[in-house]
Amino acid sequence: MSAHRAVLLEEALTALALKPGGAYVDATFGRGGHSRALLERLAPSARLVALDRDPQAIAAAQEIRDPRFSAVHAPFSELGRALARLGIEKVDGVLADLGVSSPQLEDPARGFSFRHPGPLDMRMDPTRGMTAAEWLAKTTEKELREAIASYGEERFAKQVAKAIAAARAREPLVRTEQLAAVVAEAIPTRERGQDPATRTFQALRILVNRELEEVALMLPQALSALAPGGRIAVISFHSLEDRLVKRFFAAASRPDVPENLPIRASEMPQAPLTIVGRVTRPTDTEVSANPRARSAKLRAAERTGARLDPAFLKRISEHEPDAWRS
């Protein structure tokens, strides 16, 4: 297994504009690259809370013996609840590195990758929920087509869904290599350098883990938790996640003004967020050293001192329809 590398590490820490004695959240501990770097830069009086829904990640987090550090086994959609349990009202920064981690991808037993033969599982938390194999066995061909088209952005979704439906009628699809072979046979062409199964595996992973819904639930909680001057930095790896983050930041950086209400510019209320800089992408050097970083995008925003109206927060929160939820 290759060594895990935290993506956009220095860029993310810079975007957070760290306060040495502040309180921070690493919403996706993974194998701790970002958390360990944060602890190196924070003062003895600081606090760092790391969340992850993967029990293996939490086991790795518990190896960190530091009184400033707390690890919580929970998805980041429970960020607010986790902070409340720890007695933390406000934080100075939230870092979220979205998507699947390298250790998850590279462990055949987890079933995330078409490159490694293994059980077709794909759950980030294997202690709960339905596996990809279980979902494939019970879903309709129409639901399958819609999931692959929406979550995988696969233009051959119809052909892939039809092939999967035919294959599972012959035998249960319970292995990654089975599914990869079915998809490869169904797709006539593919972009240079991309495996035919890439988009279908992405779609199933997003669906099984409800990844878009998790992001949509996390963002307003992170905003609510930020103290004035605190920052949120989010690293995404595909367009669906990035679109959610971009839209939420844009909505939260606009003043809370009722529609069609005339108001002078001098009386315009302050928005709760200010977008910090432009989207950041990895350098060629980082991509060369870590090809997984190729599609990464980092967006950051800073909490203002404006009052955060719960009704406004509800309006700007964007929850993706989960039409194929089990």
Protein backbone atom coordinates (compact mmCIF):
# COMPACT_ATOMS: atom_id res chain seq x y z
CA MET A 1 0.00 0.00 0.00
CA SER A 2 1.39 3.40 -0.90
CA ALA A 3 2.00 6.09 1.72
CA HIS A 4 -0.94 8.37 2.26
CA ARG A 5 -0.46 11.98 1.22
CA ALA A 6 -2.71 14.79 2.38
CA VAL A 7 -3.86 16.73 -0.69
CA LEU A 8 -3.33 20.51 -0.89
CA LEU A 9 -1.90 20.44 2.62
CA GLU A 10 -0.06 23.76 2.75
CA GLU A 11 -2.70 25.52 0.68
CA ALA A 12 -5.45 24.38 3.06
CA LEU A 13 -3.55 25.50 6.16
CA THR A 14 -2.86 28.87 4.56
CA ALA A 15 -6.55 29.23 3.66
CA LEU A 16 -7.51 28.65 7.30
CA ALA A 17 -5.36 31.63 8.44
CA LEU A 18 -4.57 29.77 11.65
CA LYS A 19 -4.86 31.37 15.06
CA PRO A 20 -2.27 29.47 17.13
CA GLY A 21 -4.47 29.23 20.21
CA GLY A 22 -7.72 28.64 18.32
CA ALA A 23 -10.18 25.77 18.10
CA TYR A 24 -10.36 23.79 14.86
CA VAL A 25 -12.23 20.91 13.24
CA ASP A 26 -10.76 18.40 10.81
CA ALA A 27 -14.06 17.08 9.47
CA THR A 28 -12.44 14.16 7.63
CA PHE A 29 -9.49 12.71 9.56
CA GLY A 30 -8.62 9.99 7.02
CA ARG A 31 -5.13 9.00 8.07
CA GLY A 32 -4.43 12.28 9.79
CA GLY A 33 -2.23 14.21 7.38
CA HIS A 34 -4.12 17.45 7.85
CA SER A 35 -4.68 16.92 11.59
CA ARG A 36 -1.01 16.25 12.32
CA ALA A 37 0.03 19.32 10.33
CA LEU A 38 -2.50 21.42 12.24
CA LEU A 39 -1.20 20.18 15.59
CA GLU A 40 2.35 21.09 14.56
CA ARG A 41 1.27 24.68 13.97
CA LEU A 42 -1.10 25.18 16.91
CA ALA A 43 -0.17 26.41 20.38
CA PRO A 44 -0.50 24.35 23.61
CA SER A 45 -3.77 26.17 24.39
CA ALA A 46 -5.40 25.18 21.07
CA ARG A 47 -8.07 22.56 20.46
CA LEU A 48 -8.49 20.23 17.48
CA VAL A 49 -11.48 17.95 16.92
CA ALA A 50 -11.30 15.32 14.18
CA LEU A 51 -14.33 13.50 12.78
CA ASP A 52 -14.49 10.42 10.59
CA ARG A 53 -17.13 7.79 9.97
CA ASP A 54 -14.59 5.12 9.06
CA PRO A 55 -13.66 2.99 12.11
CA GLN A 56 -10.19 2.39 10.65
CA ALA A 57 -9.61 6.14 10.46
CA ILE A 58 -10.70 6.56 14.07
CA ALA A 59 -8.36 3.76 15.12
CA ALA A 60 -5.52 5.68 13.43
CA ALA A 61 -6.65 8.91 15.13
CA GLN A 62 -6.52 7.29 18.55
CA GLU A 63 -2.79 6.77 18.08
CA ILE A 64 -2.34 10.53 18.45
CA ARG A 65 -1.55 11.21 22.09
CA ASP A 66 -2.08 14.93 22.43
CA PRO A 67 -4.25 16.66 25.06
CA ARG A 68 -5.33 19.21 22.46
CA PHE A 69 -6.80 16.51 20.20
CA SER A 70 -10.16 14.73 20.26
CA ALA A 71 -11.34 12.11 17.74
CA VAL A 72 -15.03 11.44 17.15
CA HIS A 73 -16.46 8.46 15.24
CA ALA A 74 -19.17 10.27 13.30
CA PRO A 75 -19.94 11.50 9.79
CA PHE A 76 -19.34 15.20 9.28
CA SER A 77 -23.09 15.69 8.90
CA GLU A 78 -23.07 15.40 12.72
CA LEU A 79 -20.46 18.13 13.18
CA GLY A 80 -22.74 20.33 15.28
CA ARG A 81 -23.74 17.46 17.57
CA ALA A 82 -20.11 16.37 18.01
CA LEU A 83 -19.01 19.85 19.05
CA ALA A 84 -21.94 20.15 21.47
CA ARG A 85 -20.99 16.87 23.13
CA LEU A 86 -17.46 18.19 23.64
CA GLY A 87 -18.75 21.48 25.05
CA ILE A 88 -17.34 23.56 22.19
CA GLU A 89 -19.59 26.45 21.13
CA LYS A 90 -17.47 28.12 18.46
CA VAL A 91 -14.41 27.23 16.41
CA ASP A 92 -11.89 29.25 14.43
CA GLY A 93 -11.76 26.94 11.45
CA VAL A 94 -13.23 23.89 9.76
CA LEU A 95 -11.31 21.83 7.20
CA ALA A 96 -13.15 19.22 5.13
CA ASP A 97 -11.31 16.95 2.68
CA LEU A 98 -14.21 15.33 0.85
CA GLY A 99 -14.58 12.01 -0.88
CA VAL A 100 -12.87 8.65 -0.48
CA SER A 101 -9.40 8.40 1.06
CA SER A 102 -6.39 6.67 -0.44
CA PRO A 103 -6.33 3.92 2.24
CA GLN A 104 -9.97 3.15 1.49
CA LEU A 105 -9.31 2.96 -2.25
CA GLU A 106 -6.27 0.77 -1.87
CA ASP A 107 -7.77 -1.79 0.53
CA PRO A 108 -9.35 -4.56 -1.59
CA ALA A 109 -11.58 -5.61 1.30
CA ARG A 110 -13.38 -2.27 1.19
CA GLY A 111 -14.54 -2.71 -2.41
CA PHE A 112 -14.09 0.90 -3.52
CA SER A 113 -11.83 0.29 -6.49
CA PHE A 114 -12.26 -1.58 -9.76
CA ARG A 115 -8.47 -2.01 -9.79
CA HIS A 116 -8.49 -4.47 -6.88
CA PRO A 117 -10.58 -7.66 -6.75
CA GLY A 118 -12.71 -7.65 -3.63
CA PRO A 119 -16.22 -7.65 -2.17
CA LEU A 120 -18.52 -5.02 -3.65
CA ASP A 121 -19.00 -3.08 -0.42
CA MET A 122 -18.00 0.64 -0.79
CA ARG A 123 -19.28 1.74 2.64
CA MET A 124 -17.11 4.35 4.36
CA ASP A 125 -18.52 3.03 7.62
CA PRO A 126 -18.74 -0.75 7.15
CA THR A 127 -20.62 -1.11 10.44
CA ARG A 128 -23.83 0.37 9.07
CA GLY A 129 -25.92 0.76 5.93
CA MET A 130 -26.35 -1.18 2.71
CA THR A 131 -23.43 -2.41 0.63
CA ALA A 132 -23.16 -1.62 -3.08
CA ALA A 133 -23.83 -5.29 -3.85
CA GLU A 134 -27.01 -5.26 -1.75
CA TRP A 135 -28.24 -2.11 -3.47
CA LEU A 136 -27.51 -3.51 -6.93
CA ALA A 137 -29.49 -6.64 -6.10
CA LYS A 138 -32.67 -4.78 -5.15
CA THR A 139 -32.78 -1.64 -7.29
CA THR A 140 -34.71 -1.28 -10.54
CA GLU A 141 -33.01 -0.75 -13.88
CA LYS A 142 -34.53 2.74 -14.05
CA GLU A 143 -33.18 3.70 -10.63
CA LEU A 144 -29.81 2.28 -11.58
CA ARG A 145 -29.71 4.30 -14.81
CA GLU A 146 -30.66 7.51 -12.99
CA ALA A 147 -28.04 6.96 -10.29
CA ILE A 148 -25.23 6.30 -12.76
CA ALA A 149 -26.24 9.29 -14.89
CA SER A 150 -26.64 11.71 -11.96
CA TYR A 151 -23.88 10.65 -9.57
CA GLY A 152 -21.43 9.28 -12.11
CA GLU A 153 -22.21 11.78 -14.89
CA GLU A 154 -21.93 8.78 -17.20
CA ARG A 155 -23.20 9.43 -20.73
CA PHE A 156 -23.56 5.68 -21.32
CA ALA A 157 -25.74 5.22 -18.21
CA LYS A 158 -28.54 3.55 -20.15
CA GLN A 159 -26.24 0.94 -21.68
CA VAL A 160 -24.47 0.30 -18.36
CA ALA A 161 -27.72 -0.08 -16.42
CA LYS A 162 -29.09 -2.49 -19.00
CA ALA A 163 -25.92 -4.57 -18.90
CA ILE A 164 -25.90 -4.70 -15.10
CA ALA A 165 -29.57 -5.74 -15.02
CA ALA A 166 -28.87 -8.54 -17.48
CA ALA A 167 -25.75 -9.70 -15.63
CA ARG A 168 -27.41 -9.83 -12.20
CA ALA A 169 -30.22 -11.94 -13.70
CA ARG A 170 -27.58 -14.56 -14.48
CA GLU A 171 -25.74 -14.38 -11.16
CA PRO A 172 -25.44 -12.02 -8.15
CA LEU A 173 -22.94 -9.19 -8.62
CA VAL A 174 -20.96 -9.33 -5.39
CA ARG A 175 -17.37 -8.64 -6.50
CA THR A 176 -15.65 -5.54 -7.82
CA GLU A 177 -14.09 -7.44 -10.72
CA GLN A 178 -17.52 -8.74 -11.78
CA LEU A 179 -19.01 -5.26 -11.97
CA ALA A 180 -15.94 -3.77 -13.68
CA ALA A 181 -16.09 -6.44 -16.40
CA VAL A 182 -19.81 -5.87 -17.02
CA VAL A 183 -19.34 -2.11 -17.33
CA ALA A 184 -16.30 -2.45 -19.61
CA GLU A 185 -18.29 -4.63 -21.98
CA ALA A 186 -21.21 -2.19 -22.04
CA ILE A 187 -19.21 0.95 -22.88
CA PRO A 188 -17.97 1.25 -26.47
CA THR A 189 -15.43 4.01 -25.90
CA ARG A 190 -13.84 5.90 -23.05
CA GLU A 191 -11.74 9.00 -22.55
CA ARG A 192 -8.02 8.41 -22.87
CA GLY A 193 -6.52 7.22 -19.60
CA GLN A 194 -9.83 6.54 -17.83
CA ASP A 195 -11.07 3.05 -17.04
CA PRO A 196 -14.61 2.36 -18.34
CA ALA A 197 -15.78 1.52 -14.80
CA THR A 198 -14.62 4.82 -13.25
CA ARG A 199 -17.90 6.71 -13.43
CA THR A 200 -20.11 3.79 -12.45
CA PHE A 201 -18.00 3.01 -9.37
CA GLN A 202 -18.07 6.71 -8.45
CA ALA A 203 -21.86 6.77 -8.74
CA LEU A 204 -22.33 3.71 -6.52
CA ARG A 205 -19.89 5.01 -3.92
CA ILE A 206 -21.63 8.39 -3.73
CA LEU A 207 -25.01 6.74 -3.47
CA VAL A 208 -24.09 4.11 -0.87
CA ASN A 209 -22.47 6.75 1.37
CA ARG A 210 -25.00 9.51 0.62
CA GLU A 211 -22.00 11.76 0.03
CA LEU A 212 -23.79 14.74 -1.48
CA GLU A 213 -26.37 14.79 1.26
CA GLU A 214 -23.59 14.61 3.85
CA VAL A 215 -21.88 17.67 2.32
CA ALA A 216 -25.16 19.58 2.12
CA LEU A 217 -25.84 18.87 5.80
CA MET A 218 -22.30 19.69 6.94
CA LEU A 219 -21.91 23.12 5.34
CA PRO A 220 -24.59 25.01 7.32
CA GLN A 221 -23.40 23.36 10.55
CA ALA A 222 -19.85 24.48 9.85
CA LEU A 223 -21.05 28.02 9.18
CA SER A 224 -23.02 28.05 12.43
CA ALA A 225 -20.00 26.79 14.38
CA LEU A 226 -17.58 29.42 13.09
CA ALA A 227 -16.65 32.35 15.31
CA PRO A 228 -16.31 35.76 13.60
CA GLY A 229 -13.08 35.69 11.63
CA GLY A 230 -13.11 31.90 11.53
CA ARG A 231 -12.66 30.15 8.22
CA ILE A 232 -13.94 27.09 6.41
CA ALA A 233 -11.80 25.36 3.80
CA VAL A 234 -13.21 22.54 1.67
CA ILE A 235 -11.29 20.25 -0.69
CA SER A 236 -13.44 18.47 -3.26
CA PHE A 237 -12.56 15.90 -5.90
CA HIS A 238 -15.45 15.89 -8.33
CA SER A 239 -17.79 18.44 -9.85
CA LEU A 240 -20.89 17.40 -7.88
CA GLU A 241 -19.25 18.09 -4.51
CA ASP A 242 -17.55 21.24 -5.74
CA ARG A 243 -20.83 22.58 -7.10
CA LEU A 244 -22.49 22.19 -3.69
CA VAL A 245 -19.65 24.01 -1.95
CA LYS A 246 -19.49 26.78 -4.54
CA ARG A 247 -23.24 27.42 -4.40
CA PHE A 248 -23.37 27.41 -0.60
CA PHE A 249 -20.46 29.83 -0.29
CA ALA A 250 -22.01 32.11 -2.90
CA ALA A 251 -25.41 32.10 -1.19
CA ALA A 252 -23.94 32.72 2.27
CA SER A 253 -21.82 35.61 0.97
CA ARG A 254 -24.89 37.53 -0.17
CA PRO A 255 -26.72 39.79 2.31
CA ASP A 256 -29.95 38.46 3.81
CA VAL A 257 -32.38 40.84 2.10
CA PRO A 258 -36.02 39.91 1.35
CA GLU A 259 -36.78 39.72 -2.36
CA ASN A 260 -38.26 42.81 -4.03
CA LEU A 261 -37.54 44.97 -0.98
CA PRO A 262 -35.99 48.32 -2.00
CA ILE A 263 -32.91 49.05 0.10
CA ARG A 264 -30.07 51.55 -0.19
CA ALA A 265 -26.54 50.26 -0.59
CA SER A 266 -25.53 52.05 2.62
CA GLU A 267 -28.20 50.11 4.52
CA MET A 268 -27.34 46.71 3.05
CA PRO A 269 -26.76 44.22 5.87
CA GLN A 270 -23.51 42.28 6.05
CA ALA A 271 -23.47 38.74 4.71
CA PRO A 272 -22.40 35.95 7.11
CA LEU A 273 -19.58 34.74 4.85
CA THR A 274 -16.89 36.33 2.72
CA ILE A 275 -15.30 34.20 0.01
CA VAL A 276 -11.52 34.07 0.37
CA GLY A 277 -9.56 34.18 -2.86
CA ARG A 278 -10.21 31.98 -5.87
CA VAL A 279 -10.47 28.24 -6.18
CA THR A 280 -7.06 26.62 -5.61
CA ARG A 281 -5.83 23.61 -7.57
CA PRO A 282 -2.76 21.43 -6.93
CA THR A 283 0.52 22.26 -8.61
CA ASP A 284 1.97 20.08 -11.34
CA THR A 285 4.59 18.98 -8.82
CA GLU A 286 1.94 17.71 -6.38
CA VAL A 287 -0.01 15.95 -9.13
CA SER A 288 3.17 14.26 -10.32
CA ALA A 289 3.89 13.01 -6.79
CA ASN A 290 0.26 12.15 -6.02
CA PRO A 291 -1.94 11.55 -9.10
CA ARG A 292 -5.07 11.40 -6.90
CA ALA A 293 -4.67 15.16 -6.35
CA ARG A 294 -5.30 15.86 -10.04
CA SER A 295 -8.98 16.74 -9.70
CA ALA A 296 -8.79 18.45 -6.29
CA LYS A 297 -10.21 21.92 -5.75
CA LEU A 298 -9.92 24.00 -2.59
CA ARG A 299 -12.45 26.70 -1.72
CA ALA A 300 -12.36 28.87 1.39
CA ALA A 301 -14.56 31.46 3.07
CA GLU A 302 -14.43 33.56 6.23
CA ARG A 303 -17.16 34.15 8.80
CA THR A 304 -18.08 37.78 9.28
CA GLY A 305 -19.56 39.32 12.40
CA ALA A 306 -23.04 39.37 10.89
CA ARG A 307 -25.89 37.76 12.79
CA LEU A 308 -26.81 34.38 11.33
CA ASP A 309 -30.57 34.13 11.03
CA PRO A 310 -31.75 30.47 11.24
CA ALA A 311 -34.38 31.13 8.54
CA PHE A 312 -31.69 32.51 6.22
CA LEU A 313 -29.46 29.52 6.94
CA LYS A 314 -32.29 27.17 6.08
CA ARG A 315 -32.97 28.98 2.80
CA ILE A 316 -29.37 28.81 1.59
CA SER A 317 -28.83 25.20 2.62
CA GLU A 318 -28.99 22.97 -0.44
CA HIS A 319 -30.05 19.37 0.05
CA GLU A 320 -29.67 17.15 -2.97
CA PRO A 321 -32.71 14.90 -3.56
CA ASP A 322 -31.81 11.37 -2.49
CA ALA A 323 -34.13 9.57 -4.86
CA TRP A 324 -32.38 6.24 -4.51
CA ARG A 325 -32.00 6.14 -0.74
CA SER A 326 -32.43 2.69 0.76
